[in-house]
Each structure stands twice: as C-alpha cells, then as structure tokens.
Amino acid sequence: MKRQHDNKTKERIAFYQTKQWKRLRKQVIERDNGLDQYALRDGLVVPGKLVDHIVPIEFAPELRDDINNLVLTSMASHKAKTEWEQIYYGTGKKNTINKSAVPVKEIKYIPIKFNELKTI
C-alpha cells in the first residue's frame, strides 16, 4: 500500500529527484571523502552512502539546498540521527514540529554516539 503524503511532504520528496539535489549530493560525497561524518566525529571510519540535512528540511526548509547543512552519513548513523530529530525537532509522521527548538547546525553538538559501529 502506498503512503499518503501532504503537499509539503510531496514537495520535499520531489526535491530529491532534481538536478540541483543530485549535484549537491555529488559535491557532499566528494567533500566528505566518502566517509560518514557523524561516525568520523566520534573517531570511527565508516563509509557513507546517504547525504543528510544536519537541520532537517521539515524543520528548516530554507536550508534544503545549503551545502553547509549537508553531510555524508551511513544508514546506521542516519537512523540514530533521525530518532534524535523526531524527539528534538518533532519531525516525522504524526509528530508536531517544535517551533521553539533551536537549530543545531554543527554535528559536534548533535547528542548521538556511534560506539557500536566498527572501524574499517
């Protein structure tokens, strides 16, 4: 069964199919040397495959194409960060955006750890 999306969600999803996003994604992968920046912050060397918005676009849509708001991440790191975002920002399905949250723009201040990941 296909999930139903509101117009804002449809717009966010469509952005990931644009040439602009594909170009930004390539630049971030090159800039971050193919490594998960959240894991690297914790001293772990883990390949990254996903480009993540540090401040989620659901909370701050104006940052969606700001390369300084993008980092490369692995699936494990992205999952942990998404769980934190849902609590902190109120993002995700059936949640309410916490408009009083202060945007955390630097990954060093995002309170998640990746000790369970192994170095390569």
PDB file of N, CA and C in Angstrom:
ATOM      1  N   MET A   1       0.829  -1.174   0.000  1.00  0.00           N
ATOM      2  CA  MET A   1       0.000   0.000   0.000  1.00  0.00           C
ATOM      3  C   MET A   1       0.884   1.252   0.000  1.00  0.00           C
ATOM      4  N   LYS A   2       0.556   2.191  -0.849  1.00  0.00           N
ATOM      5  CA  LYS A   2       1.320   3.423  -0.968  1.00  0.00           C
ATOM      6  C   LYS A   2       0.933   4.403   0.136  1.00  0.00           C
ATOM      7  N   ARG A   3       1.976   5.030   0.748  1.00  0.00           N
ATOM      8  CA  ARG A   3       1.704   6.019   1.796  1.00  0.00           C
ATOM      9  C   ARG A   3       1.136   7.286   1.200  1.00  0.00           C
ATOM     10  N   GLN A   4       0.216   7.891   1.916  1.00  0.00           N
ATOM     11  CA  GLN A   4      -0.362   9.165   1.502  1.00  0.00           C
ATOM     12  C   GLN A   4       0.507  10.302   2.045  1.00  0.00           C
ATOM     13  N   HIS A   5       0.752  11.296   1.211  1.00  0.00           N
ATOM     14  CA  HIS A   5       1.583  12.426   1.617  1.00  0.00           C
ATOM     15  C   HIS A   5       0.832  13.737   1.420  1.00  0.00           C
ATOM     16  N   ASP A   6       1.068  14.674   2.337  1.00  0.00           N
ATOM     17  CA  ASP A   6       0.503  16.009   2.142  1.00  0.00           C
ATOM     18  C   ASP A   6       1.372  16.749   1.126  1.00  0.00           C
ATOM     19  N   ASN A   7       0.955  17.942   0.739  1.00  0.00           N
ATOM     20  CA  ASN A   7       1.670  18.683  -0.304  1.00  0.00           C
ATOM     21  C   ASN A   7       3.094  19.049   0.094  1.00  0.00           C
ATOM     22  N   LYS A   8       3.318  19.419   1.364  1.00  0.00           N
ATOM     23  CA  LYS A   8       4.676  19.758   1.808  1.00  0.00           C
ATOM     24  C   LYS A   8       5.590  18.534   1.712  1.00  0.00           C
ATOM     25  N   THR A   9       5.077  17.376   2.107  1.00  0.00           N
ATOM     26  CA  THR A   9       5.861  16.146   2.035  1.00  0.00           C
ATOM     27  C   THR A   9       6.158  15.796   0.579  1.00  0.00           C
ATOM     28  N   LYS A  10       5.173  15.920  -0.284  1.00  0.00           N
ATOM     29  CA  LYS A  10       5.370  15.641  -1.710  1.00  0.00           C
ATOM     30  C   LYS A  10       6.446  16.556  -2.292  1.00  0.00           C
ATOM     31  N   GLU A  11       6.425  17.820  -1.884  1.00  0.00           N
ATOM     32  CA  GLU A  11       7.418  18.787  -2.363  1.00  0.00           C
ATOM     33  C   GLU A  11       8.821  18.406  -1.888  1.00  0.00           C
ATOM     34  N   ARG A  12       8.946  17.996  -0.614  1.00  0.00           N
ATOM     35  CA  ARG A  12      10.254  17.563  -0.086  1.00  0.00           C
ATOM     36  C   ARG A  12      10.763  16.347  -0.841  1.00  0.00           C
ATOM     37  N   ILE A  13       9.891  15.384  -1.079  1.00  0.00           N
ATOM     38  CA  ILE A  13      10.280  14.158  -1.786  1.00  0.00           C
ATOM     39  C   ILE A  13      10.708  14.488  -3.213  1.00  0.00           C
ATOM     40  N   ALA A  14       9.966  15.356  -3.895  1.00  0.00           N
ATOM     41  CA  ALA A  14      10.283  15.740  -5.278  1.00  0.00           C
ATOM     42  C   ALA A  14      11.648  16.404  -5.374  1.00  0.00           C
ATOM     43  N   PHE A  15      12.048  17.144  -4.346  1.00  0.00           N
ATOM     44  CA  PHE A  15      13.345  17.831  -4.357  1.00  0.00           C
ATOM     45  C   PHE A  15      14.486  16.841  -4.576  1.00  0.00           C
ATOM     46  N   TYR A  16      14.370  15.648  -4.019  1.00  0.00           N
ATOM     47  CA  TYR A  16      15.438  14.651  -4.120  1.00  0.00           C
ATOM     48  C   TYR A  16      15.582  14.065  -5.526  1.00  0.00           C
ATOM     49  N   GLN A  17      14.697  14.418  -6.433  1.00  0.00           N
ATOM     50  CA  GLN A  17      14.788  13.968  -7.821  1.00  0.00           C
ATOM     51  C   GLN A  17      15.330  15.053  -8.752  1.00  0.00           C
ATOM     52  N   THR A  18      15.607  16.229  -8.207  1.00  0.00           N
ATOM     53  CA  THR A  18      16.041  17.342  -9.050  1.00  0.00           C
ATOM     54  C   THR A  18      17.529  17.272  -9.395  1.00  0.00           C
ATOM     55  N   LYS A  19      17.901  17.954 -10.474  1.00  0.00           N
ATOM     56  CA  LYS A  19      19.316  18.060 -10.855  1.00  0.00           C
ATOM     57  C   LYS A  19      20.094  18.790  -9.772  1.00  0.00           C
ATOM     58  N   GLN A  20      19.449  19.784  -9.167  1.00  0.00           N
ATOM     59  CA  GLN A  20      20.104  20.554  -8.106  1.00  0.00           C
ATOM     60  C   GLN A  20      20.517  19.629  -6.963  1.00  0.00           C
ATOM     61  N   TRP A  21      19.604  18.754  -6.503  1.00  0.00           N
ATOM     62  CA  TRP A  21      19.931  17.837  -5.408  1.00  0.00           C
ATOM     63  C   TRP A  21      21.029  16.863  -5.822  1.00  0.00           C
ATOM     64  N   LYS A  22      20.937  16.329  -7.014  1.00  0.00           N
ATOM     65  CA  LYS A  22      21.941  15.358  -7.478  1.00  0.00           C
ATOM     66  C   LYS A  22      23.327  15.998  -7.532  1.00  0.00           C
ATOM     67  N   ARG A  23      23.384  17.257  -7.942  1.00  0.00           N
ATOM     68  CA  ARG A  23      24.659  17.985  -7.978  1.00  0.00           C
ATOM     69  C   ARG A  23      25.179  18.227  -6.553  1.00  0.00           C
ATOM     70  N   LEU A  24      24.294  18.682  -5.666  1.00  0.00           N
ATOM     71  CA  LEU A  24      24.684  18.909  -4.265  1.00  0.00           C
ATOM     72  C   LEU A  24      25.175  17.608  -3.619  1.00  0.00           C
ATOM     73  N   ARG A  25      24.442  16.528  -3.866  1.00  0.00           N
ATOM     74  CA  ARG A  25      24.789  15.226  -3.287  1.00  0.00           C
ATOM     75  C   ARG A  25      26.199  14.802  -3.720  1.00  0.00           C
ATOM     76  N   LYS A  26      26.488  14.954  -4.988  1.00  0.00           N
ATOM     77  CA  LYS A  26      27.816  14.602  -5.509  1.00  0.00           C
ATOM     78  C   LYS A  26      28.900  15.458  -4.840  1.00  0.00           C
ATOM     79  N   GLN A  27      28.636  16.759  -4.700  1.00  0.00           N
ATOM     80  CA  GLN A  27      29.609  17.651  -4.064  1.00  0.00           C
ATOM     81  C   GLN A  27      29.868  17.246  -2.614  1.00  0.00           C
ATOM     82  N   VAL A  28      28.819  16.868  -1.885  1.00  0.00           N
ATOM     83  CA  VAL A  28      28.971  16.477  -0.478  1.00  0.00           C
ATOM     84  C   VAL A  28      29.764  15.170  -0.366  1.00  0.00           C
ATOM     85  N   ILE A  29      29.477  14.212  -1.221  1.00  0.00           N
ATOM     86  CA  ILE A  29      30.209  12.938  -1.202  1.00  0.00           C
ATOM     87  C   ILE A  29      31.692  13.189  -1.432  1.00  0.00           C
ATOM     88  N   GLU A  30      32.008  14.040  -2.397  1.00  0.00           N
ATOM     89  CA  GLU A  30      33.415  14.361  -2.675  1.00  0.00           C
ATOM     90  C   GLU A  30      34.039  15.130  -1.511  1.00  0.00           C
ATOM     91  N   ARG A  31      33.351  16.135  -1.013  1.00  0.00           N
ATOM     92  CA  ARG A  31      33.877  16.952   0.086  1.00  0.00           C
ATOM     93  C   ARG A  31      34.154  16.100   1.328  1.00  0.00           C
ATOM     94  N   ASP A  32      33.246  15.158   1.620  1.00  0.00           N
ATOM     95  CA  ASP A  32      33.370  14.344   2.828  1.00  0.00           C
ATOM     96  C   ASP A  32      34.152  13.056   2.600  1.00  0.00           C
ATOM     97  N   ASN A  33      34.794  12.951   1.444  1.00  0.00           N
ATOM     98  CA  ASN A  33      35.685  11.824   1.136  1.00  0.00           C
ATOM     99  C   ASN A  33      35.030  10.457   1.288  1.00  0.00           C
ATOM    100  N   GLY A  34      33.725  10.395   1.040  1.00  0.00           N
ATOM    101  CA  GLY A  34      33.031   9.110   1.103  1.00  0.00           C
ATOM    102  C   GLY A  34      32.845   8.554   2.501  1.00  0.00           C
ATOM    103  N   LEU A  35      33.059   9.380   3.522  1.00  0.00           N
ATOM    104  CA  LEU A  35      33.006   8.899   4.912  1.00  0.00           C
ATOM    105  C   LEU A  35      31.836   9.499   5.684  1.00  0.00           C
ATOM    106  N   ASP A  36      31.257   8.671   6.536  1.00  0.00           N
ATOM    107  CA  ASP A  36      30.181   9.065   7.439  1.00  0.00           C
ATOM    108  C   ASP A  36      30.736  10.098   8.419  1.00  0.00           C
ATOM    109  N   GLN A  37      30.256  11.310   8.339  1.00  0.00           N
ATOM    110  CA  GLN A  37      30.778  12.407   9.151  1.00  0.00           C
ATOM    111  C   GLN A  37      30.368  12.322  10.619  1.00  0.00           C
ATOM    112  N   TYR A  38      29.221  11.712  10.912  1.00  0.00           N
ATOM    113  CA  TYR A  38      28.815  11.546  12.310  1.00  0.00           C
ATOM    114  C   TYR A  38      29.711  10.517  12.995  1.00  0.00           C
ATOM    115  N   ALA A  39      30.001   9.426  12.317  1.00  0.00           N
ATOM    116  CA  ALA A  39      30.889   8.409  12.872  1.00  0.00           C
ATOM    117  C   ALA A  39      32.312   8.953  12.976  1.00  0.00           C
ATOM    118  N   LEU A  40      32.762   9.662  11.942  1.00  0.00           N
ATOM    119  CA  LEU A  40      34.117  10.236  11.944  1.00  0.00           C
ATOM    120  C   LEU A  40      34.290  11.191  13.116  1.00  0.00           C
ATOM    121  N   ARG A  41      33.266  11.947  13.418  1.00  0.00           N
ATOM    122  CA  ARG A  41      33.276  12.856  14.563  1.00  0.00           C
ATOM    123  C   ARG A  41      33.582  12.099  15.852  1.00  0.00           C
ATOM    124  N   ASP A  42      33.126  10.841  15.924  1.00  0.00           N
ATOM    125  CA  ASP A  42      33.347  10.009  17.110  1.00  0.00           C
ATOM    126  C   ASP A  42      34.578   9.115  16.971  1.00  0.00           C
ATOM    127  N   GLY A  43      35.442   9.401  15.975  1.00  0.00           N
ATOM    128  CA  GLY A  43      36.688   8.662  15.810  1.00  0.00           C
ATOM    129  C   GLY A  43      36.552   7.357  15.057  1.00  0.00           C
ATOM    130  N   LEU A  44      35.436   7.149  14.373  1.00  0.00           N
ATOM    131  CA  LEU A  44      35.218   5.921  13.623  1.00  0.00           C
ATOM    132  C   LEU A  44      35.265   6.195  12.128  1.00  0.00           C
ATOM    133  N   VAL A  45      35.888   5.294  11.386  1.00  0.00           N
ATOM    134  CA  VAL A  45      35.970   5.432   9.942  1.00  0.00           C
ATOM    135  C   VAL A  45      34.951   4.474   9.328  1.00  0.00           C
ATOM    136  N   VAL A  46      33.869   5.041   8.796  1.00  0.00           N
ATOM    137  CA  VAL A  46      32.751   4.268   8.258  1.00  0.00           C
ATOM    138  C   VAL A  46      32.367   4.865   6.912  1.00  0.00           C
ATOM    139  N   PRO A  47      32.211   4.033   5.878  1.00  0.00           N
ATOM    140  CA  PRO A  47      31.780   4.584   4.594  1.00  0.00           C
ATOM    141  C   PRO A  47      30.384   5.191   4.694  1.00  0.00           C
ATOM    142  N   GLY A  48      30.165   6.265   3.962  1.00  0.00           N
ATOM    143  CA  GLY A  48      28.848   6.903   3.922  1.00  0.00           C
ATOM    144  C   GLY A  48      28.210   6.717   2.565  1.00  0.00           C
ATOM    145  N   LYS A  49      26.891   6.621   2.556  1.00  0.00           N
ATOM    146  CA  LYS A  49      26.166   6.473   1.297  1.00  0.00           C
ATOM    147  C   LYS A  49      25.021   7.465   1.173  1.00  0.00           C
ATOM    148  N   LEU A  50      24.597   8.039   2.290  1.00  0.00           N
ATOM    149  CA  LEU A  50      23.463   8.959   2.294  1.00  0.00           C
ATOM    150  C   LEU A  50      23.940  10.376   2.567  1.00  0.00           C
ATOM    151  N   VAL A  51      23.299  11.341   1.947  1.00  0.00           N
ATOM    152  CA  VAL A  51      23.571  12.739   2.265  1.00  0.00           C
ATOM    153  C   VAL A  51      22.429  13.201   3.160  1.00  0.00           C
ATOM    154  N   ASP A  52      22.800  13.728   4.317  1.00  0.00           N
ATOM    155  CA  ASP A  52      21.835  14.092   5.353  1.00  0.00           C
ATOM    156  C   ASP A  52      21.811  15.595   5.566  1.00  0.00           C
ATOM    157  N   HIS A  53      20.609  16.109   5.796  1.00  0.00           N
ATOM    158  CA  HIS A  53      20.459  17.503   6.212  1.00  0.00           C
ATOM    159  C   HIS A  53      20.734  17.569   7.714  1.00  0.00           C
ATOM    160  N   ILE A  54      21.697  18.357   8.117  1.00  0.00           N
ATOM    161  CA  ILE A  54      22.027  18.493   9.539  1.00  0.00           C
ATOM    162  C   ILE A  54      20.797  19.013  10.282  1.00  0.00           C
ATOM    163  N   VAL A  55      20.259  20.127   9.840  1.00  0.00           N
ATOM    164  CA  VAL A  55      18.975  20.616  10.337  1.00  0.00           C
ATOM    165  C   VAL A  55      17.954  20.121   9.314  1.00  0.00           C
ATOM    166  N   PRO A  56      17.011  19.283   9.726  1.00  0.00           N
ATOM    167  CA  PRO A  56      16.101  18.678   8.752  1.00  0.00           C
ATOM    168  C   PRO A  56      15.262  19.706   7.995  1.00  0.00           C
ATOM    169  N   ILE A  57      15.028  19.417   6.707  1.00  0.00           N
ATOM    170  CA  ILE A  57      14.273  20.370   5.890  1.00  0.00           C
ATOM    171  C   ILE A  57      12.819  20.468   6.339  1.00  0.00           C
ATOM    172  N   GLU A  58      12.348  19.470   7.023  1.00  0.00           N
ATOM    173  CA  GLU A  58      10.990  19.539   7.571  1.00  0.00           C
ATOM    174  C   GLU A  58      10.898  20.663   8.611  1.00  0.00           C
ATOM    175  N   PHE A  59      12.001  20.915   9.310  1.00  0.00           N
ATOM    176  CA  PHE A  59      12.068  21.969  10.328  1.00  0.00           C
ATOM    177  C   PHE A  59      12.490  23.305   9.707  1.00  0.00           C
ATOM    178  N   ALA A  60      13.463  23.249   8.800  1.00  0.00           N
ATOM    179  CA  ALA A  60      14.014  24.475   8.201  1.00  0.00           C
ATOM    180  C   ALA A  60      14.118  24.315   6.684  1.00  0.00           C
ATOM    181  N   PRO A  61      13.001  24.430   5.968  1.00  0.00           N
ATOM    182  CA  PRO A  61      13.031  24.233   4.519  1.00  0.00           C
ATOM    183  C   PRO A  61      13.961  25.193   3.773  1.00  0.00           C
ATOM    184  N   GLU A  62      14.223  26.334   4.364  1.00  0.00           N
ATOM    185  CA  GLU A  62      15.114  27.307   3.722  1.00  0.00           C
ATOM    186  C   GLU A  62      16.561  26.808   3.637  1.00  0.00           C
ATOM    187  N   LEU A  63      16.898  25.752   4.380  1.00  0.00           N
ATOM    188  CA  LEU A  63      18.263  25.198   4.372  1.00  0.00           C
ATOM    189  C   LEU A  63      18.401  23.968   3.474  1.00  0.00           C
ATOM    190  N   ARG A  64      17.357  23.644   2.723  1.00  0.00           N
ATOM    191  CA  ARG A  64      17.374  22.392   1.969  1.00  0.00           C
ATOM    192  C   ARG A  64      18.485  22.318   0.931  1.00  0.00           C
ATOM    193  N   ASP A  65      18.884  23.446   0.356  1.00  0.00           N
ATOM    194  CA  ASP A  65      19.930  23.417  -0.662  1.00  0.00           C
ATOM    195  C   ASP A  65      21.204  24.134  -0.214  1.00  0.00           C
ATOM    196  N   ASP A  66      21.371  24.273   1.090  1.00  0.00           N
ATOM    197  CA  ASP A  66      22.578  24.883   1.662  1.00  0.00           C
ATOM    198  C   ASP A  66      23.604  23.777   1.900  1.00  0.00           C
ATOM    199  N   ILE A  67      24.673  23.769   1.129  1.00  0.00           N
ATOM    200  CA  ILE A  67      25.680  22.703   1.229  1.00  0.00           C
ATOM    201  C   ILE A  67      26.299  22.633   2.626  1.00  0.00           C
ATOM    202  N   ASN A  68      26.275  23.738   3.360  1.00  0.00           N
ATOM    203  CA  ASN A  68      26.800  23.742   4.730  1.00  0.00           C
ATOM    204  C   ASN A  68      25.851  23.036   5.701  1.00  0.00           C
ATOM    205  N   ASN A  69      24.661  22.702   5.243  1.00  0.00           N
ATOM    206  CA  ASN A  69      23.690  21.982   6.063  1.00  0.00           C
ATOM    207  C   ASN A  69      23.623  20.508   5.647  1.00  0.00           C
ATOM    208  N   LEU A  70      24.612  20.042   4.887  1.00  0.00           N
ATOM    209  CA  LEU A  70      24.619  18.675   4.388  1.00  0.00           C
ATOM    210  C   LEU A  70      25.887  17.952   4.793  1.00  0.00           C
ATOM    211  N   VAL A  71      25.736  16.689   5.171  1.00  0.00           N
ATOM    212  CA  VAL A  71      26.883  15.828   5.468  1.00  0.00           C
ATOM    213  C   VAL A  71      26.600  14.426   4.943  1.00  0.00           C
ATOM    214  N   LEU A  72      27.684  13.686   4.699  1.00  0.00           N
ATOM    215  CA  LEU A  72      27.563  12.297   4.293  1.00  0.00           C
ATOM    216  C   LEU A  72      27.414  11.430   5.534  1.00  0.00           C
ATOM    217  N   THR A  73      26.570  10.414   5.444  1.00  0.00           N
ATOM    218  CA  THR A  73      26.310   9.547   6.579  1.00  0.00           C
ATOM    219  C   THR A  73      26.056   8.110   6.126  1.00  0.00           C
ATOM    220  N   SER A  74      26.139   7.186   7.050  1.00  0.00           N
ATOM    221  CA  SER A  74      25.796   5.783   6.800  1.00  0.00           C
ATOM    222  C   SER A  74      24.345   5.559   7.211  1.00  0.00           C
ATOM    223  N   MET A  75      23.817   4.410   6.867  1.00  0.00           N
ATOM    224  CA  MET A  75      22.438   4.085   7.258  1.00  0.00           C
ATOM    225  C   MET A  75      22.303   4.065   8.785  1.00  0.00           C
ATOM    226  N   ALA A  76      23.281   3.473   9.483  1.00  0.00           N
ATOM    227  CA  ALA A  76      23.210   3.369  10.948  1.00  0.00           C
ATOM    228  C   ALA A  76      23.211   4.748  11.598  1.00  0.00           C
ATOM    229  N   SER A  77      24.096   5.617  11.133  1.00  0.00           N
ATOM    230  CA  SER A  77      24.165   6.969  11.689  1.00  0.00           C
ATOM    231  C   SER A  77      22.897   7.745  11.371  1.00  0.00           C
ATOM    232  N   HIS A  78      22.416   7.605  10.153  1.00  0.00           N
ATOM    233  CA  HIS A  78      21.208   8.324   9.745  1.00  0.00           C
ATOM    234  C   HIS A  78      20.012   7.896  10.585  1.00  0.00           C
ATOM    235  N   LYS A  79      19.909   6.609  10.857  1.00  0.00           N
ATOM    236  CA  LYS A  79      18.802   6.103  11.678  1.00  0.00           C
ATOM    237  C   LYS A  79      18.852   6.710  13.083  1.00  0.00           C
ATOM    238  N   ALA A  80      20.039   6.702  13.693  1.00  0.00           N
ATOM    239  CA  ALA A  80      20.190   7.263  15.039  1.00  0.00           C
ATOM    240  C   ALA A  80      19.872   8.761  15.043  1.00  0.00           C
ATOM    241  N   LYS A  81      20.343   9.482  14.043  1.00  0.00           N
ATOM    242  CA  LYS A  81      20.090  10.921  13.988  1.00  0.00           C
ATOM    243  C   LYS A  81      18.612  11.200  13.760  1.00  0.00           C
ATOM    244  N   THR A  82      17.977  10.435  12.904  1.00  0.00           N
ATOM    245  CA  THR A  82      16.548  10.618  12.647  1.00  0.00           C
ATOM    246  C   THR A  82      15.736  10.419  13.930  1.00  0.00           C
ATOM    247  N   GLU A  83      16.094   9.429  14.728  1.00  0.00           N
ATOM    248  CA  GLU A  83      15.401   9.200  16.004  1.00  0.00           C
ATOM    249  C   GLU A  83      15.566  10.401  16.922  1.00  0.00           C
ATOM    250  N   TRP A  84      16.766  10.972  16.968  1.00  0.00           N
ATOM    251  CA  TRP A  84      17.005  12.157  17.788  1.00  0.00           C
ATOM    252  C   TRP A  84      16.190  13.343  17.252  1.00  0.00           C
ATOM    253  N   GLU A  85      16.179  13.534  15.924  1.00  0.00           N
ATOM    254  CA  GLU A  85      15.434  14.645  15.321  1.00  0.00           C
ATOM    255  C   GLU A  85      13.944  14.576  15.653  1.00  0.00           C
ATOM    256  N   GLN A  86      13.400  13.383  15.644  1.00  0.00           N
ATOM    257  CA  GLN A  86      11.972  13.230  15.924  1.00  0.00           C
ATOM    258  C   GLN A  86      11.641  13.698  17.338  1.00  0.00           C
ATOM    259  N   ILE A  87      12.551  13.480  18.255  1.00  0.00           N
ATOM    260  CA  ILE A  87      12.343  13.939  19.635  1.00  0.00           C
ATOM    261  C   ILE A  87      12.617  15.438  19.752  1.00  0.00           C
ATOM    262  N   TYR A  88      13.753  15.879  19.215  1.00  0.00           N
ATOM    263  CA  TYR A  88      14.184  17.265  19.387  1.00  0.00           C
ATOM    264  C   TYR A  88      13.373  18.254  18.544  1.00  0.00           C
ATOM    265  N   TYR A  89      13.255  17.970  17.243  1.00  0.00           N
ATOM    266  CA  TYR A  89      12.570  18.890  16.323  1.00  0.00           C
ATOM    267  C   TYR A  89      11.088  18.586  16.157  1.00  0.00           C
ATOM    268  N   GLY A  90      10.678  17.381  16.520  1.00  0.00           N
ATOM    269  CA  GLY A  90       9.284  16.986  16.299  1.00  0.00           C
ATOM    270  C   GLY A  90       9.004  16.618  14.854  1.00  0.00           C
ATOM    271  N   THR A  91      10.038  16.168  14.134  1.00  0.00           N
ATOM    272  CA  THR A  91       9.859  15.783  12.733  1.00  0.00           C
ATOM    273  C   THR A  91       9.311  14.364  12.647  1.00  0.00           C
ATOM    274  N   GLY A  92       8.886  13.987  11.474  1.00  0.00           N
ATOM    275  CA  GLY A  92       8.397  12.629  11.248  1.00  0.00           C
ATOM    276  C   GLY A  92       6.886  12.554  11.255  1.00  0.00           C
ATOM    277  N   LYS A  93       6.414  11.456  10.714  1.00  0.00           N
ATOM    278  CA  LYS A  93       4.975  11.234  10.586  1.00  0.00           C
ATOM    279  C   LYS A  93       4.297  11.247  11.957  1.00  0.00           C
ATOM    280  N   LYS A  94       3.182  11.909  12.026  1.00  0.00           N
ATOM    281  CA  LYS A  94       2.342  12.011  13.221  1.00  0.00           C
ATOM    282  C   LYS A  94       2.967  12.848  14.340  1.00  0.00           C
ATOM    283  N   ASN A  95       4.071  13.520  14.071  1.00  0.00           N
ATOM    284  CA  ASN A  95       4.670  14.413  15.057  1.00  0.00           C
ATOM    285  C   ASN A  95       4.293  15.852  14.735  1.00  0.00           C
ATOM    286  N   THR A  96       4.495  16.733  15.699  1.00  0.00           N
ATOM    287  CA  THR A  96       4.258  18.159  15.512  1.00  0.00           C
ATOM    288  C   THR A  96       5.599  18.872  15.635  1.00  0.00           C
ATOM    289  N   ILE A  97       5.915  19.698  14.646  1.00  0.00           N
ATOM    290  CA  ILE A  97       7.185  20.433  14.653  1.00  0.00           C
ATOM    291  C   ILE A  97       7.277  21.301  15.904  1.00  0.00           C
ATOM    292  N   ASN A  98       8.416  21.197  16.591  1.00  0.00           N
ATOM    293  CA  ASN A  98       8.701  22.009  17.768  1.00  0.00           C
ATOM    294  C   ASN A  98       9.298  23.332  17.291  1.00  0.00           C
ATOM    295  N   LYS A  99       8.466  24.317  17.095  1.00  0.00           N
ATOM    296  CA  LYS A  99       8.907  25.601  16.541  1.00  0.00           C
ATOM    297  C   LYS A  99       9.839  26.361  17.474  1.00  0.00           C
ATOM    298  N   SER A 100       9.884  25.980  18.734  1.00  0.00           N
ATOM    299  CA  SER A 100      10.778  26.664  19.662  1.00  0.00           C
ATOM    300  C   SER A 100      12.160  25.997  19.741  1.00  0.00           C
ATOM    301  N   ALA A 101      12.356  24.905  19.012  1.00  0.00           N
ATOM    302  CA  ALA A 101      13.671  24.242  19.005  1.00  0.00           C
ATOM    303  C   ALA A 101      14.700  25.166  18.361  1.00  0.00           C
ATOM    304  N   VAL A 102      15.883  25.181  18.918  1.00  0.00           N
ATOM    305  CA  VAL A 102      16.983  25.960  18.361  1.00  0.00           C
ATOM    306  C   VAL A 102      17.703  25.076  17.341  1.00  0.00           C
ATOM    307  N   PRO A 103      17.858  25.521  16.094  1.00  0.00           N
ATOM    308  CA  PRO A 103      18.527  24.689  15.092  1.00  0.00           C
ATOM    309  C   PRO A 103      19.959  24.339  15.516  1.00  0.00           C
ATOM    310  N   VAL A 104      20.296  23.062  15.458  1.00  0.00           N
ATOM    311  CA  VAL A 104      21.642  22.590  15.764  1.00  0.00           C
ATOM    312  C   VAL A 104      22.348  22.439  14.419  1.00  0.00           C
ATOM    313  N   LYS A 105      23.208  23.405  14.099  1.00  0.00           N
ATOM    314  CA  LYS A 105      23.812  23.475  12.767  1.00  0.00           C
ATOM    315  C   LYS A 105      25.178  22.812  12.668  1.00  0.00           C
ATOM    316  N   GLU A 106      25.744  22.420  13.790  1.00  0.00           N
ATOM    317  CA  GLU A 106      27.059  21.771  13.777  1.00  0.00           C
ATOM    318  C   GLU A 106      26.920  20.362  14.339  1.00  0.00           C
ATOM    319  N   ILE A 107      27.463  19.391  13.603  1.00  0.00           N
ATOM    320  CA  ILE A 107      27.272  17.994  14.022  1.00  0.00           C
ATOM    321  C   ILE A 107      27.941  17.678  15.360  1.00  0.00           C
ATOM    322  N   LYS A 108      28.926  18.465  15.741  1.00  0.00           N
ATOM    323  CA  LYS A 108      29.582  18.191  17.028  1.00  0.00           C
ATOM    324  C   LYS A 108      28.631  18.383  18.204  1.00  0.00           C
ATOM    325  N   TYR A 109      27.541  19.120  17.997  1.00  0.00           N
ATOM    326  CA  TYR A 109      26.585  19.359  19.075  1.00  0.00           C
ATOM    327  C   TYR A 109      25.367  18.432  19.040  1.00  0.00           C
ATOM    328  N   ILE A 110      25.315  17.536  18.064  1.00  0.00           N
ATOM    329  CA  ILE A 110      24.191  16.604  17.989  1.00  0.00           C
ATOM    330  C   ILE A 110      24.490  15.445  18.937  1.00  0.00           C
ATOM    331  N   PRO A 111      23.667  15.259  19.959  1.00  0.00           N
ATOM    332  CA  PRO A 111      23.989  14.330  21.051  1.00  0.00           C
ATOM    333  C   PRO A 111      23.688  12.855  20.742  1.00  0.00           C
ATOM    334  N   ILE A 112      24.361  12.324  19.733  1.00  0.00           N
ATOM    335  CA  ILE A 112      24.241  10.900  19.438  1.00  0.00           C
ATOM    336  C   ILE A 112      25.640  10.325  19.309  1.00  0.00           C
ATOM    337  N   LYS A 113      25.803   9.077  19.709  1.00  0.00           N
ATOM    338  CA  LYS A 113      27.105   8.403  19.659  1.00  0.00           C
ATOM    339  C   LYS A 113      26.987   7.142  18.829  1.00  0.00           C
ATOM    340  N   PHE A 114      28.073   6.753  18.218  1.00  0.00           N
ATOM    341  CA  PHE A 114      28.082   5.607  17.325  1.00  0.00           C
ATOM    342  C   PHE A 114      29.127   4.577  17.756  1.00  0.00           C
ATOM    343  N   ASN A 115      29.222   4.303  19.025  1.00  0.00           N
ATOM    344  CA  ASN A 115      30.203   3.367  19.535  1.00  0.00           C
ATOM    345  C   ASN A 115      30.003   1.941  19.032  1.00  0.00           C
ATOM    346  N   GLU A 116      28.778   1.613  18.597  1.00  0.00           N
ATOM    347  CA  GLU A 116      28.505   0.260  18.124  1.00  0.00           C
ATOM    348  C   GLU A 116      29.026   0.007  16.715  1.00  0.00           C
ATOM    349  N   LEU A 117      29.391   1.060  15.984  1.00  0.00           N
ATOM    350  CA  LEU A 117      29.918   0.878  14.629  1.00  0.00           C
ATOM    351  C   LEU A 117      31.376   0.451  14.707  1.00  0.00           C
ATOM    352  N   LYS A 118      31.755  -0.410  13.786  1.00  0.00           N
ATOM    353  CA  LYS A 118      33.143  -0.880  13.768  1.00  0.00           C
ATOM    354  C   LYS A 118      33.952  -0.073  12.759  1.00  0.00           C
ATOM    355  N   THR A 119      35.209   0.132  13.075  1.00  0.00           N
ATOM    356  CA  THR A 119      36.083   0.828  12.130  1.00  0.00           C
ATOM    357  C   THR A 119      36.425  -0.110  10.993  1.00  0.00           C
ATOM    358  N   ILE A 120      36.766   0.484   9.860  1.00  0.00           N
ATOM    359  CA  ILE A 120      37.136  -0.349   8.702  1.00  0.00           C
ATOM    360  C   ILE A 120      38.608  -0.192   8.404  1.00  0.00           C
TER     361      ILE A 120
END
